[in-house]
Amino acid sequence: MLSTRENFMRLLRCELPEYVPTYNLFWGLTSPSCFRREDLGDGVTKDQFGVTWVSESNAGPVASIPKPGTFILDDIRKWRDIIKVPDTSDVDWEALAKTDTERRDPEMPFGTQAGGIFGFFQGLVAFMGFNEGLMACFEEPDEVKALMEYLCDFAVANIKKIIEYYKPDYGMLADDIAHEHNPFLSLPMFQDVIAPSWRRYAAAFLEEGLPMMHHNCGHFEEYLDDLVDMGYSGWDPVQNSNDIIAIKAKFGNRLALCGGWIGKSLFEIGMDASEEEVRNSIKTTMDTLAPGGGFAMFGVGGFPSENPDIQRRNEWIRDEYDRLKFTYYQ
């Protein structure tokens, strides 16, 4: 049987897996430790651009947001004076990679981000705040594009070092640009302002033979033609506000849908869901999306907790997945 790593990489190469792959977002969110934020205590951190981040319960247990009211850029036209990429001239990439990857499991996929940036659109709104960032895209698109190009130059330089020393299996770009019902930018604005950096970022990995994953929550389907054209072959978490069945029919195994629960996801079912409801949710999703490839089951590892009810539910998830995973590609 293929390892989790080998099976998932078949998926990202647009090949038919041996069995339904699993997917974990955190495989691809690793980046060099030299870009870690400074811990200021009490859940507050500061990144290398000077943005302060705070924990926020609504963002999830491992997420944080830029501290409201403390944005570092109030006028996009001044970005050249304020935004400075981190200095990596003294980084010993070989030694850093050796330390960062010493616990790497060869049986599991290993993806990476460029490090030093947190997405292009997400970087903009971290610097300026959400409202001001969106207004900048509308009022001063050329200045926003210039900032994106500056960040992308830095990212591409990092990617070359990461590929050489970390030897990842695939590249990852996480750049949330949508909410549950709509993208934040119109398609023409996205194509003009943001897409060029996404494309050049991906090309740095693709030119070295590494496939590309993209993380984007919310209603994202309007951008998928562009995403696939850029060379991205995987997308997570494929939430239910998108027309998942139509997306599957359109792209087949050219775009791996990592997630995409049909009907209610595990999060939406609620913790009082019966074993039958949980199992039916998994079976319906796998029966609908697994045939033909282009799908990975998200959440099979369960959601770690000391709560016995959650542990029991995790067992149902794993057991149902294991029962079905070999039934689609024989």
C-alpha atoms as a PDB file:
ATOM      1  CA  MET A   1       0.000   0.000   0.000  1.00  0.00           C
ATOM      2  CA  LEU A   2       1.266   3.471  -0.824  1.00  0.00           C
ATOM      3  CA  SER A   3       2.173   5.697   2.104  1.00  0.00           C
ATOM      4  CA  THR A   4       0.049   8.718   2.947  1.00  0.00           C
ATOM      5  CA  ARG A   5       2.740  10.852   1.321  1.00  0.00           C
ATOM      6  CA  GLU A   6       3.016   8.886  -1.914  1.00  0.00           C
ATOM      7  CA  ASN A   7      -0.746   8.600  -2.277  1.00  0.00           C
ATOM      8  CA  PHE A   8      -1.337  12.315  -1.698  1.00  0.00           C
ATOM      9  CA  MET A   9       1.391  13.307  -4.128  1.00  0.00           C
ATOM     10  CA  ARG A  10      -0.309  11.251  -6.816  1.00  0.00           C
ATOM     11  CA  LEU A  11      -3.348  13.435  -6.220  1.00  0.00           C
ATOM     12  CA  LEU A  12      -1.405  16.694  -6.570  1.00  0.00           C
ATOM     13  CA  ARG A  13       0.191  15.393  -9.765  1.00  0.00           C
ATOM     14  CA  CYS A  14      -3.343  14.908 -11.142  1.00  0.00           C
ATOM     15  CA  GLU A  15      -2.918  11.133 -11.152  1.00  0.00           C
ATOM     16  CA  LEU A  16      -5.308   8.495  -9.826  1.00  0.00           C
ATOM     17  CA  PRO A  17      -4.493   7.615  -6.199  1.00  0.00           C
ATOM     18  CA  GLU A  18      -4.335   4.053  -4.928  1.00  0.00           C
ATOM     19  CA  TYR A  19      -6.983   4.900  -2.319  1.00  0.00           C
ATOM     20  CA  VAL A  20      -8.827   8.052  -1.237  1.00  0.00           C
ATOM     21  CA  PRO A  21      -6.111  10.371   0.104  1.00  0.00           C
ATOM     22  CA  THR A  22      -6.357  12.272   3.340  1.00  0.00           C
ATOM     23  CA  TYR A  23      -5.322  15.868   3.785  1.00  0.00           C
ATOM     24  CA  ASN A  24      -4.094  18.036   6.634  1.00  0.00           C
ATOM     25  CA  LEU A  25      -3.749  21.792   6.179  1.00  0.00           C
ATOM     26  CA  PHE A  26      -0.724  21.898   8.468  1.00  0.00           C
ATOM     27  CA  TRP A  27       1.356  19.723   6.136  1.00  0.00           C
ATOM     28  CA  GLY A  28       1.665  22.772   3.913  1.00  0.00           C
ATOM     29  CA  LEU A  29       1.816  25.627   6.410  1.00  0.00           C
ATOM     30  CA  THR A  30       5.380  24.952   7.504  1.00  0.00           C
ATOM     31  CA  SER A  31       7.953  27.636   6.759  1.00  0.00           C
ATOM     32  CA  PRO A  32      11.509  28.372   7.908  1.00  0.00           C
ATOM     33  CA  SER A  33      11.696  29.064  11.631  1.00  0.00           C
ATOM     34  CA  CYS A  34      13.632  32.283  11.041  1.00  0.00           C
ATOM     35  CA  PHE A  35      10.293  33.857  10.102  1.00  0.00           C
ATOM     36  CA  ARG A  36       8.483  32.991  13.324  1.00  0.00           C
ATOM     37  CA  ARG A  37       6.789  35.861  15.093  1.00  0.00           C
ATOM     38  CA  GLU A  38       8.170  37.291  18.295  1.00  0.00           C
ATOM     39  CA  ASP A  39       6.159  36.108  21.293  1.00  0.00           C
ATOM     40  CA  LEU A  40       5.145  39.090  23.442  1.00  0.00           C
ATOM     41  CA  GLY A  41       3.113  36.997  25.904  1.00  0.00           C
ATOM     42  CA  ASP A  42      -0.599  36.660  26.625  1.00  0.00           C
ATOM     43  CA  GLY A  43      -1.259  35.427  23.103  1.00  0.00           C
ATOM     44  CA  VAL A  44       0.260  38.535  21.497  1.00  0.00           C
ATOM     45  CA  THR A  45       2.952  38.233  18.813  1.00  0.00           C
ATOM     46  CA  LYS A  46       4.747  40.585  16.444  1.00  0.00           C
ATOM     47  CA  ASP A  47       5.900  39.644  12.955  1.00  0.00           C
ATOM     48  CA  GLN A  48       8.986  40.875  11.134  1.00  0.00           C
ATOM     49  CA  PHE A  49       7.084  43.640   9.386  1.00  0.00           C
ATOM     50  CA  GLY A  50       6.044  45.065  12.764  1.00  0.00           C
ATOM     51  CA  VAL A  51       2.411  43.899  12.664  1.00  0.00           C
ATOM     52  CA  THR A  52       1.025  42.963  16.081  1.00  0.00           C
ATOM     53  CA  TRP A  53      -1.170  39.841  16.170  1.00  0.00           C
ATOM     54  CA  VAL A  54      -3.616  38.804  18.890  1.00  0.00           C
ATOM     55  CA  SER A  55      -5.489  35.613  19.634  1.00  0.00           C
ATOM     56  CA  GLU A  56      -9.144  35.646  18.663  1.00  0.00           C
ATOM     57  CA  SER A  57     -11.528  32.860  19.642  1.00  0.00           C
ATOM     58  CA  ASN A  58     -13.609  33.315  16.482  1.00  0.00           C
ATOM     59  CA  ALA A  59     -10.520  32.683  14.342  1.00  0.00           C
ATOM     60  CA  GLY A  60     -10.045  29.184  15.738  1.00  0.00           C
ATOM     61  CA  PRO A  61      -7.758  27.600  18.349  1.00  0.00           C
ATOM     62  CA  VAL A  62      -4.477  28.144  16.468  1.00  0.00           C
ATOM     63  CA  ALA A  63      -5.250  31.351  14.594  1.00  0.00           C
ATOM     64  CA  SER A  64      -4.730  35.016  15.309  1.00  0.00           C
ATOM     65  CA  ILE A  65      -5.610  38.343  13.707  1.00  0.00           C
ATOM     66  CA  PRO A  66      -3.838  41.708  13.341  1.00  0.00           C
ATOM     67  CA  LYS A  67      -4.534  43.738  16.456  1.00  0.00           C
ATOM     68  CA  PRO A  68      -7.428  46.089  15.672  1.00  0.00           C
ATOM     69  CA  GLY A  69      -6.591  49.775  15.649  1.00  0.00           C
ATOM     70  CA  THR A  70      -2.817  49.298  15.392  1.00  0.00           C
ATOM     71  CA  PHE A  71      -2.270  48.980  11.642  1.00  0.00           C
ATOM     72  CA  ILE A  72       1.135  50.103  10.422  1.00  0.00           C
ATOM     73  CA  LEU A  73       0.125  51.577   7.039  1.00  0.00           C
ATOM     74  CA  ASP A  74      -2.563  54.247   6.686  1.00  0.00           C
ATOM     75  CA  ASP A  75      -1.876  55.331   3.103  1.00  0.00           C
ATOM     76  CA  ILE A  76      -0.994  52.819   0.397  1.00  0.00           C
ATOM     77  CA  ARG A  77       1.050  55.499  -1.372  1.00  0.00           C
ATOM     78  CA  LYS A  78       3.480  55.455   1.587  1.00  0.00           C
ATOM     79  CA  TRP A  79       4.120  51.723   1.549  1.00  0.00           C
ATOM     80  CA  ARG A  80       7.737  52.099   0.345  1.00  0.00           C
ATOM     81  CA  ASP A  81       8.567  54.037   3.508  1.00  0.00           C
ATOM     82  CA  ILE A  82       6.826  51.623   5.887  1.00  0.00           C
ATOM     83  CA  ILE A  83       6.923  48.083   4.521  1.00  0.00           C
ATOM     84  CA  LYS A  84      10.355  46.463   4.626  1.00  0.00           C
ATOM     85  CA  VAL A  85      10.874  42.756   4.029  1.00  0.00           C
ATOM     86  CA  PRO A  86      12.961  40.893   6.627  1.00  0.00           C
ATOM     87  CA  ASP A  87      16.719  40.780   6.111  1.00  0.00           C
ATOM     88  CA  THR A  88      17.779  37.185   5.405  1.00  0.00           C
ATOM     89  CA  SER A  89      21.371  37.911   4.422  1.00  0.00           C
ATOM     90  CA  ASP A  90      22.756  36.254   7.570  1.00  0.00           C
ATOM     91  CA  VAL A  91      20.525  33.161   7.495  1.00  0.00           C
ATOM     92  CA  ASP A  92      22.443  29.888   7.347  1.00  0.00           C
ATOM     93  CA  TRP A  93      19.857  28.072   5.249  1.00  0.00           C
ATOM     94  CA  GLU A  94      21.598  24.698   5.399  1.00  0.00           C
ATOM     95  CA  ALA A  95      21.817  24.676   9.198  1.00  0.00           C
ATOM     96  CA  LEU A  96      18.307  26.066   9.580  1.00  0.00           C
ATOM     97  CA  ALA A  97      16.810  23.429   7.297  1.00  0.00           C
ATOM     98  CA  LYS A  98      18.611  20.650   9.155  1.00  0.00           C
ATOM     99  CA  THR A  99      17.117  21.811  12.463  1.00  0.00           C
ATOM    100  CA  ASP A 100      13.664  22.547  11.084  1.00  0.00           C
ATOM    101  CA  THR A 101      13.292  19.164   9.372  1.00  0.00           C
ATOM    102  CA  GLU A 102      14.941  16.836  11.887  1.00  0.00           C
ATOM    103  CA  ARG A 103      11.552  15.498  12.996  1.00  0.00           C
ATOM    104  CA  ARG A 104      10.120  15.252   9.505  1.00  0.00           C
ATOM    105  CA  ASP A 105       8.187  12.022   8.965  1.00  0.00           C
ATOM    106  CA  PRO A 106       9.144  10.559   5.566  1.00  0.00           C
ATOM    107  CA  GLU A 107       5.770   8.810   5.370  1.00  0.00           C
ATOM    108  CA  MET A 108       3.855  12.097   5.491  1.00  0.00           C
ATOM    109  CA  PRO A 109       3.641  14.840   2.827  1.00  0.00           C
ATOM    110  CA  PHE A 110       5.869  17.852   3.371  1.00  0.00           C
ATOM    111  CA  GLY A 111       4.755  21.146   1.892  1.00  0.00           C
ATOM    112  CA  THR A 112       5.949  24.638   2.586  1.00  0.00           C
ATOM    113  CA  GLN A 113       5.151  28.306   2.188  1.00  0.00           C
ATOM    114  CA  ALA A 114       7.749  30.817   1.149  1.00  0.00           C
ATOM    115  CA  GLY A 115       7.959  32.202   4.665  1.00  0.00           C
ATOM    116  CA  GLY A 116       8.266  35.827   5.625  1.00  0.00           C
ATOM    117  CA  ILE A 117       4.913  36.772   4.074  1.00  0.00           C
ATOM    118  CA  PHE A 118       1.402  35.688   5.038  1.00  0.00           C
ATOM    119  CA  GLY A 119      -0.288  35.876   1.663  1.00  0.00           C
ATOM    120  CA  PHE A 120      -0.543  38.823  -0.688  1.00  0.00           C
ATOM    121  CA  PHE A 121      -4.092  40.020  -0.061  1.00  0.00           C
ATOM    122  CA  GLN A 122      -3.793  38.954   3.581  1.00  0.00           C
ATOM    123  CA  GLY A 123      -0.553  40.895   3.835  1.00  0.00           C
ATOM    124  CA  LEU A 124      -2.248  44.012   2.497  1.00  0.00           C
ATOM    125  CA  VAL A 125      -5.090  43.896   5.021  1.00  0.00           C
ATOM    126  CA  ALA A 126      -2.685  43.028   7.849  1.00  0.00           C
ATOM    127  CA  PHE A 127      -0.734  46.181   7.068  1.00  0.00           C
ATOM    128  CA  MET A 128      -3.755  48.471   6.521  1.00  0.00           C
ATOM    129  CA  GLY A 129      -6.838  46.864   8.013  1.00  0.00           C
ATOM    130  CA  PHE A 130      -9.599  45.240   6.028  1.00  0.00           C
ATOM    131  CA  ASN A 131     -11.582  48.310   4.984  1.00  0.00           C
ATOM    132  CA  GLU A 132      -8.573  50.416   4.071  1.00  0.00           C
ATOM    133  CA  GLY A 133      -6.964  47.530   2.203  1.00  0.00           C
ATOM    134  CA  LEU A 134     -10.056  47.044   0.060  1.00  0.00           C
ATOM    135  CA  MET A 135     -10.310  50.781  -0.617  1.00  0.00           C
ATOM    136  CA  ALA A 136      -6.664  50.811  -1.683  1.00  0.00           C
ATOM    137  CA  CYS A 137      -7.421  48.117  -4.288  1.00  0.00           C
ATOM    138  CA  PHE A 138     -10.185  50.349  -5.652  1.00  0.00           C
ATOM    139  CA  GLU A 139      -8.534  53.780  -5.405  1.00  0.00           C
ATOM    140  CA  GLU A 140      -4.845  53.012  -5.958  1.00  0.00           C
ATOM    141  CA  PRO A 141      -4.562  49.653  -7.747  1.00  0.00           C
ATOM    142  CA  ASP A 142      -1.145  50.463  -9.219  1.00  0.00           C
ATOM    143  CA  GLU A 143       0.283  51.110  -5.754  1.00  0.00           C
ATOM    144  CA  VAL A 144      -1.212  47.856  -4.467  1.00  0.00           C
ATOM    145  CA  LYS A 145       0.273  45.989  -7.430  1.00  0.00           C
ATOM    146  CA  ALA A 146       3.668  47.530  -6.731  1.00  0.00           C
ATOM    147  CA  LEU A 147       3.480  46.353  -3.121  1.00  0.00           C
ATOM    148  CA  MET A 148       2.425  42.865  -4.261  1.00  0.00           C
ATOM    149  CA  GLU A 149       5.395  42.736  -6.634  1.00  0.00           C
ATOM    150  CA  TYR A 150       7.761  43.778  -3.840  1.00  0.00           C
ATOM    151  CA  LEU A 151       6.439  41.032  -1.558  1.00  0.00           C
ATOM    152  CA  CYS A 152       6.565  38.508  -4.373  1.00  0.00           C
ATOM    153  CA  ASP A 153      10.213  39.312  -5.143  1.00  0.00           C
ATOM    154  CA  PHE A 154      11.014  38.451  -1.534  1.00  0.00           C
ATOM    155  CA  ALA A 155       8.872  35.297  -1.569  1.00  0.00           C
ATOM    156  CA  VAL A 156      10.442  33.960  -4.762  1.00  0.00           C
ATOM    157  CA  ALA A 157      13.950  34.495  -3.393  1.00  0.00           C
ATOM    158  CA  ASN A 158      12.961  32.490  -0.295  1.00  0.00           C
ATOM    159  CA  ILE A 159      11.360  29.740  -2.368  1.00  0.00           C
ATOM    160  CA  LYS A 160      14.616  29.087  -4.199  1.00  0.00           C
ATOM    161  CA  LYS A 161      16.438  28.631  -0.884  1.00  0.00           C
ATOM    162  CA  ILE A 162      13.655  26.510   0.605  1.00  0.00           C
ATOM    163  CA  ILE A 163      13.580  24.135  -2.368  1.00  0.00           C
ATOM    164  CA  GLU A 164      17.362  23.771  -2.292  1.00  0.00           C
ATOM    165  CA  TYR A 165      17.725  23.085   1.418  1.00  0.00           C
ATOM    166  CA  TYR A 166      14.332  21.889   2.725  1.00  0.00           C
ATOM    167  CA  LYS A 167      13.438  19.709  -0.269  1.00  0.00           C
ATOM    168  CA  PRO A 168       9.648  19.970   0.106  1.00  0.00           C
ATOM    169  CA  ASP A 169       7.170  17.784  -1.782  1.00  0.00           C
ATOM    170  CA  TYR A 170       4.937  20.679  -2.809  1.00  0.00           C
ATOM    171  CA  GLY A 171       4.433  24.413  -2.440  1.00  0.00           C
ATOM    172  CA  MET A 172       1.603  26.130  -0.591  1.00  0.00           C
ATOM    173  CA  LEU A 173       0.056  29.573  -0.831  1.00  0.00           C
ATOM    174  CA  ALA A 174      -2.474  30.497   1.848  1.00  0.00           C
ATOM    175  CA  ASP A 175      -4.176  33.776   0.992  1.00  0.00           C
ATOM    176  CA  ASP A 176      -7.829  33.918   2.115  1.00  0.00           C
ATOM    177  CA  ILE A 177      -9.686  36.297  -0.167  1.00  0.00           C
ATOM    178  CA  ALA A 178     -13.342  35.345   0.317  1.00  0.00           C
ATOM    179  CA  HIS A 179     -16.063  35.077   2.940  1.00  0.00           C
ATOM    180  CA  GLU A 180     -18.821  32.492   3.062  1.00  0.00           C
ATOM    181  CA  HIS A 181     -20.939  33.892   0.245  1.00  0.00           C
ATOM    182  CA  ASN A 182     -18.668  35.951  -2.034  1.00  0.00           C
ATOM    183  CA  PRO A 183     -15.042  36.839  -2.770  1.00  0.00           C
ATOM    184  CA  PHE A 184     -13.828  40.141  -1.346  1.00  0.00           C
ATOM    185  CA  LEU A 185     -12.753  41.411  -4.787  1.00  0.00           C
ATOM    186  CA  SER A 186     -14.529  41.310  -8.134  1.00  0.00           C
ATOM    187  CA  LEU A 187     -13.016  38.898 -10.631  1.00  0.00           C
ATOM    188  CA  PRO A 188     -11.569  41.685 -12.845  1.00  0.00           C
ATOM    189  CA  MET A 189     -10.009  43.404  -9.810  1.00  0.00           C
ATOM    190  CA  PHE A 190      -8.558  40.104  -8.596  1.00  0.00           C
ATOM    191  CA  GLN A 191      -7.126  39.355 -12.037  1.00  0.00           C
ATOM    192  CA  ASP A 192      -5.557  42.799 -12.255  1.00  0.00           C
ATOM    193  CA  VAL A 193      -4.266  43.363  -8.740  1.00  0.00           C
ATOM    194  CA  ILE A 194      -3.662  40.041  -6.979  1.00  0.00           C
ATOM    195  CA  ALA A 195      -3.448  37.261  -9.574  1.00  0.00           C
ATOM    196  CA  PRO A 196      -0.063  38.243 -11.085  1.00  0.00           C
ATOM    197  CA  SER A 197       1.675  37.645  -7.745  1.00  0.00           C
ATOM    198  CA  TRP A 198      -0.146  34.357  -7.174  1.00  0.00           C
ATOM    199  CA  ARG A 199       0.983  33.220 -10.616  1.00  0.00           C
ATOM    200  CA  ARG A 200       4.636  34.208 -10.162  1.00  0.00           C
ATOM    201  CA  TYR A 201       4.720  32.677  -6.682  1.00  0.00           C
ATOM    202  CA  ALA A 202       3.419  29.371  -8.047  1.00  0.00           C
ATOM    203  CA  ALA A 203       5.823  29.453 -10.984  1.00  0.00           C
ATOM    204  CA  ALA A 204       8.801  29.461  -8.610  1.00  0.00           C
ATOM    205  CA  PHE A 205       7.742  26.029  -7.329  1.00  0.00           C
ATOM    206  CA  LEU A 206       6.392  24.678 -10.612  1.00  0.00           C
ATOM    207  CA  GLU A 207       9.612  25.451 -12.473  1.00  0.00           C
ATOM    208  CA  GLU A 208      11.389  23.108 -10.044  1.00  0.00           C
ATOM    209  CA  GLY A 209       8.834  20.352 -10.642  1.00  0.00           C
ATOM    210  CA  LEU A 210       6.864  20.802  -7.423  1.00  0.00           C
ATOM    211  CA  PRO A 211       3.030  20.866  -7.547  1.00  0.00           C
ATOM    212  CA  MET A 212       1.084  23.665  -5.877  1.00  0.00           C
ATOM    213  CA  MET A 213      -1.630  23.734  -3.197  1.00  0.00           C
ATOM    214  CA  HIS A 214      -3.775  26.765  -2.450  1.00  0.00           C
ATOM    215  CA  HIS A 215      -5.644  27.519   0.773  1.00  0.00           C
ATOM    216  CA  ASN A 216      -8.721  29.710   0.545  1.00  0.00           C
ATOM    217  CA  CYS A 217     -11.768  29.554   2.772  1.00  0.00           C
ATOM    218  CA  GLY A 218     -15.233  30.695   1.747  1.00  0.00           C
ATOM    219  CA  HIS A 219     -16.945  31.126  -1.618  1.00  0.00           C
ATOM    220  CA  PHE A 220     -14.021  30.992  -4.007  1.00  0.00           C
ATOM    221  CA  GLU A 221     -15.309  29.258  -7.135  1.00  0.00           C
ATOM    222  CA  GLU A 222     -15.267  32.365  -9.376  1.00  0.00           C
ATOM    223  CA  TYR A 223     -11.469  32.357  -9.189  1.00  0.00           C
ATOM    224  CA  LEU A 224     -10.913  28.665  -9.957  1.00  0.00           C
ATOM    225  CA  ASP A 225     -10.377  28.980 -13.714  1.00  0.00           C
ATOM    226  CA  ASP A 226      -7.562  31.412 -12.998  1.00  0.00           C
ATOM    227  CA  LEU A 227      -6.173  29.243 -10.205  1.00  0.00           C
ATOM    228  CA  VAL A 228      -5.936  26.157 -12.409  1.00  0.00           C
ATOM    229  CA  ASP A 229      -4.496  28.210 -15.270  1.00  0.00           C
ATOM    230  CA  MET A 230      -1.757  29.409 -12.909  1.00  0.00           C
ATOM    231  CA  GLY A 231      -0.797  25.776 -12.276  1.00  0.00           C
ATOM    232  CA  TYR A 232      -2.303  25.133  -8.838  1.00  0.00           C
ATOM    233  CA  SER A 233      -3.523  21.527  -8.690  1.00  0.00           C
ATOM    234  CA  GLY A 234      -4.968  21.442  -5.151  1.00  0.00           C
ATOM    235  CA  TRP A 235      -7.357  23.589  -3.113  1.00  0.00           C
ATOM    236  CA  ASP A 236      -8.462  23.418   0.487  1.00  0.00           C
ATOM    237  CA  PRO A 237     -10.784  23.520   2.405  1.00  0.00           C
ATOM    238  CA  VAL A 238     -13.517  23.581  -0.325  1.00  0.00           C
ATOM    239  CA  GLN A 239     -16.404  24.703   1.827  1.00  0.00           C
ATOM    240  CA  ASN A 240     -20.081  24.099   1.160  1.00  0.00           C
ATOM    241  CA  SER A 241     -20.888  27.623  -0.003  1.00  0.00           C
ATOM    242  CA  ASN A 242     -19.295  26.624  -3.328  1.00  0.00           C
ATOM    243  CA  ASP A 243     -21.067  24.444  -5.910  1.00  0.00           C
ATOM    244  CA  ILE A 244     -18.798  21.523  -5.149  1.00  0.00           C
ATOM    245  CA  ILE A 245     -20.486  18.993  -7.432  1.00  0.00           C
ATOM    246  CA  ALA A 246     -20.284  21.358 -10.416  1.00  0.00           C
ATOM    247  CA  ILE A 247     -16.633  22.137  -9.619  1.00  0.00           C
ATOM    248  CA  LYS A 248     -15.826  18.424  -9.498  1.00  0.00           C
ATOM    249  CA  ALA A 249     -17.571  17.872 -12.840  1.00  0.00           C
ATOM    250  CA  LYS A 250     -15.718  20.773 -14.453  1.00  0.00           C
ATOM    251  CA  PHE A 251     -12.163  20.135 -13.300  1.00  0.00           C
ATOM    252  CA  GLY A 252     -12.093  16.386 -12.610  1.00  0.00           C
ATOM    253  CA  ASN A 253      -8.687  15.416 -11.285  1.00  0.00           C
ATOM    254  CA  ARG A 254      -7.031  18.610 -12.593  1.00  0.00           C
ATOM    255  CA  LEU A 255      -7.904  20.243  -9.239  1.00  0.00           C
ATOM    256  CA  ALA A 256      -7.729  18.206  -6.051  1.00  0.00           C
ATOM    257  CA  LEU A 257     -10.632  19.160  -3.789  1.00  0.00           C
ATOM    258  CA  CYS A 258      -9.287  18.786  -0.270  1.00  0.00           C
ATOM    259  CA  GLY A 259     -12.386  18.950   1.879  1.00  0.00           C
ATOM    260  CA  GLY A 260     -15.714  19.589   0.236  1.00  0.00           C
ATOM    261  CA  TRP A 261     -18.121  17.849   2.561  1.00  0.00           C
ATOM    262  CA  ILE A 262     -21.421  17.271   0.787  1.00  0.00           C
ATOM    263  CA  GLY A 263     -24.400  18.372   2.856  1.00  0.00           C
ATOM    264  CA  LYS A 264     -23.324  19.308   6.350  1.00  0.00           C
ATOM    265  CA  SER A 265     -19.700  19.193   7.355  1.00  0.00           C
ATOM    266  CA  LEU A 266     -18.627  17.772  10.679  1.00  0.00           C
ATOM    267  CA  PHE A 267     -18.464  21.297  12.045  1.00  0.00           C
ATOM    268  CA  GLU A 268     -22.038  22.003  10.959  1.00  0.00           C
ATOM    269  CA  ILE A 269     -23.581  18.745  12.170  1.00  0.00           C
ATOM    270  CA  GLY A 270     -22.958  19.708  15.762  1.00  0.00           C
ATOM    271  CA  MET A 271     -21.458  17.797  18.634  1.00  0.00           C
ATOM    272  CA  ASP A 272     -24.764  16.114  19.399  1.00  0.00           C
ATOM    273  CA  ALA A 273     -24.768  14.301  16.040  1.00  0.00           C
ATOM    274  CA  SER A 274     -25.397  10.575  16.200  1.00  0.00           C
ATOM    275  CA  GLU A 275     -22.924   7.984  14.951  1.00  0.00           C
ATOM    276  CA  GLU A 276     -25.224   7.348  11.990  1.00  0.00           C
ATOM    277  CA  GLU A 277     -25.243  11.047  11.018  1.00  0.00           C
ATOM    278  CA  VAL A 278     -21.462  11.303  11.183  1.00  0.00           C
ATOM    279  CA  ARG A 279     -20.915   8.139   9.150  1.00  0.00           C
ATOM    280  CA  ASN A 280     -23.544   9.125   6.573  1.00  0.00           C
ATOM    281  CA  SER A 281     -21.869  12.522   6.123  1.00  0.00           C
ATOM    282  CA  ILE A 282     -18.553  10.856   5.341  1.00  0.00           C
ATOM    283  CA  LYS A 283     -20.029   8.206   3.035  1.00  0.00           C
ATOM    284  CA  THR A 284     -22.122  10.711   1.071  1.00  0.00           C
ATOM    285  CA  THR A 285     -19.099  12.934   0.558  1.00  0.00           C
ATOM    286  CA  MET A 286     -16.789  10.127  -0.516  1.00  0.00           C
ATOM    287  CA  ASP A 287     -19.382   8.516  -2.791  1.00  0.00           C
ATOM    288  CA  THR A 288     -19.953  11.864  -4.524  1.00  0.00           C
ATOM    289  CA  LEU A 289     -16.434  13.261  -4.825  1.00  0.00           C
ATOM    290  CA  ALA A 290     -13.971  10.359  -4.723  1.00  0.00           C
ATOM    291  CA  PRO A 291     -14.767   8.584  -8.046  1.00  0.00           C
ATOM    292  CA  GLY A 292     -12.270   9.510 -10.749  1.00  0.00           C
ATOM    293  CA  GLY A 293      -9.773  11.030  -8.327  1.00  0.00           C
ATOM    294  CA  GLY A 294      -9.333  14.713  -7.583  1.00  0.00           C
ATOM    295  CA  PHE A 295     -10.474  14.475  -3.951  1.00  0.00           C
ATOM    296  CA  ALA A 296      -8.877  14.180  -0.509  1.00  0.00           C
ATOM    297  CA  MET A 297     -10.789  13.581   2.716  1.00  0.00           C
ATOM    298  CA  PHE A 298     -10.171  16.323   5.255  1.00  0.00           C
ATOM    299  CA  GLY A 299     -10.439  15.686   8.996  1.00  0.00           C
ATOM    300  CA  VAL A 300      -9.761  11.940   9.013  1.00  0.00           C
ATOM    301  CA  GLY A 301      -7.190  12.465  11.720  1.00  0.00           C
ATOM    302  CA  GLY A 302      -9.998  13.800  13.856  1.00  0.00           C
ATOM    303  CA  PHE A 303      -9.990  16.872  16.031  1.00  0.00           C
ATOM    304  CA  PRO A 304      -7.657  16.293  19.009  1.00  0.00           C
ATOM    305  CA  SER A 305      -9.373  16.671  22.341  1.00  0.00           C
ATOM    306  CA  GLU A 306      -9.519  15.150  25.792  1.00  0.00           C
ATOM    307  CA  ASN A 307     -13.296  15.261  25.566  1.00  0.00           C
ATOM    308  CA  PRO A 308     -14.489  11.620  25.409  1.00  0.00           C
ATOM    309  CA  ASP A 309     -17.417  12.572  23.149  1.00  0.00           C
ATOM    310  CA  ILE A 310     -15.034  14.120  20.607  1.00  0.00           C
ATOM    311  CA  GLN A 311     -12.671  11.158  20.881  1.00  0.00           C
ATOM    312  CA  ARG A 312     -15.550   8.795  20.169  1.00  0.00           C
ATOM    313  CA  ARG A 313     -16.582  10.853  17.171  1.00  0.00           C
ATOM    314  CA  ASN A 314     -13.014  10.822  15.872  1.00  0.00           C
ATOM    315  CA  GLU A 315     -13.133   7.034  16.002  1.00  0.00           C
ATOM    316  CA  TRP A 316     -16.304   7.016  13.868  1.00  0.00           C
ATOM    317  CA  ILE A 317     -14.643   9.301  11.320  1.00  0.00           C
ATOM    318  CA  ARG A 318     -11.508   7.183  11.015  1.00  0.00           C
ATOM    319  CA  ASP A 319     -13.398   3.919  10.949  1.00  0.00           C
ATOM    320  CA  GLU A 320     -15.819   5.018   8.211  1.00  0.00           C
ATOM    321  CA  TYR A 321     -12.994   6.414   6.111  1.00  0.00           C
ATOM    322  CA  ASP A 322     -10.977   3.192   6.504  1.00  0.00           C
ATOM    323  CA  ARG A 323     -14.028   1.140   5.551  1.00  0.00           C
ATOM    324  CA  LEU A 324     -14.498   3.027   2.284  1.00  0.00           C
ATOM    325  CA  LYS A 325     -11.110   4.306   1.146  1.00  0.00           C
ATOM    326  CA  PHE A 326     -10.241   1.385  -1.139  1.00  0.00           C
ATOM    327  CA  THR A 327     -13.632   1.062  -2.825  1.00  0.00           C
ATOM    328  CA  TYR A 328     -13.276   3.739  -5.553  1.00  0.00           C
ATOM    329  CA  TYR A 329     -10.087   3.060  -7.504  1.00  0.00           C
ATOM    330  CA  GLN A 330      -9.988  -0.715  -8.011  1.00  0.00           C
END
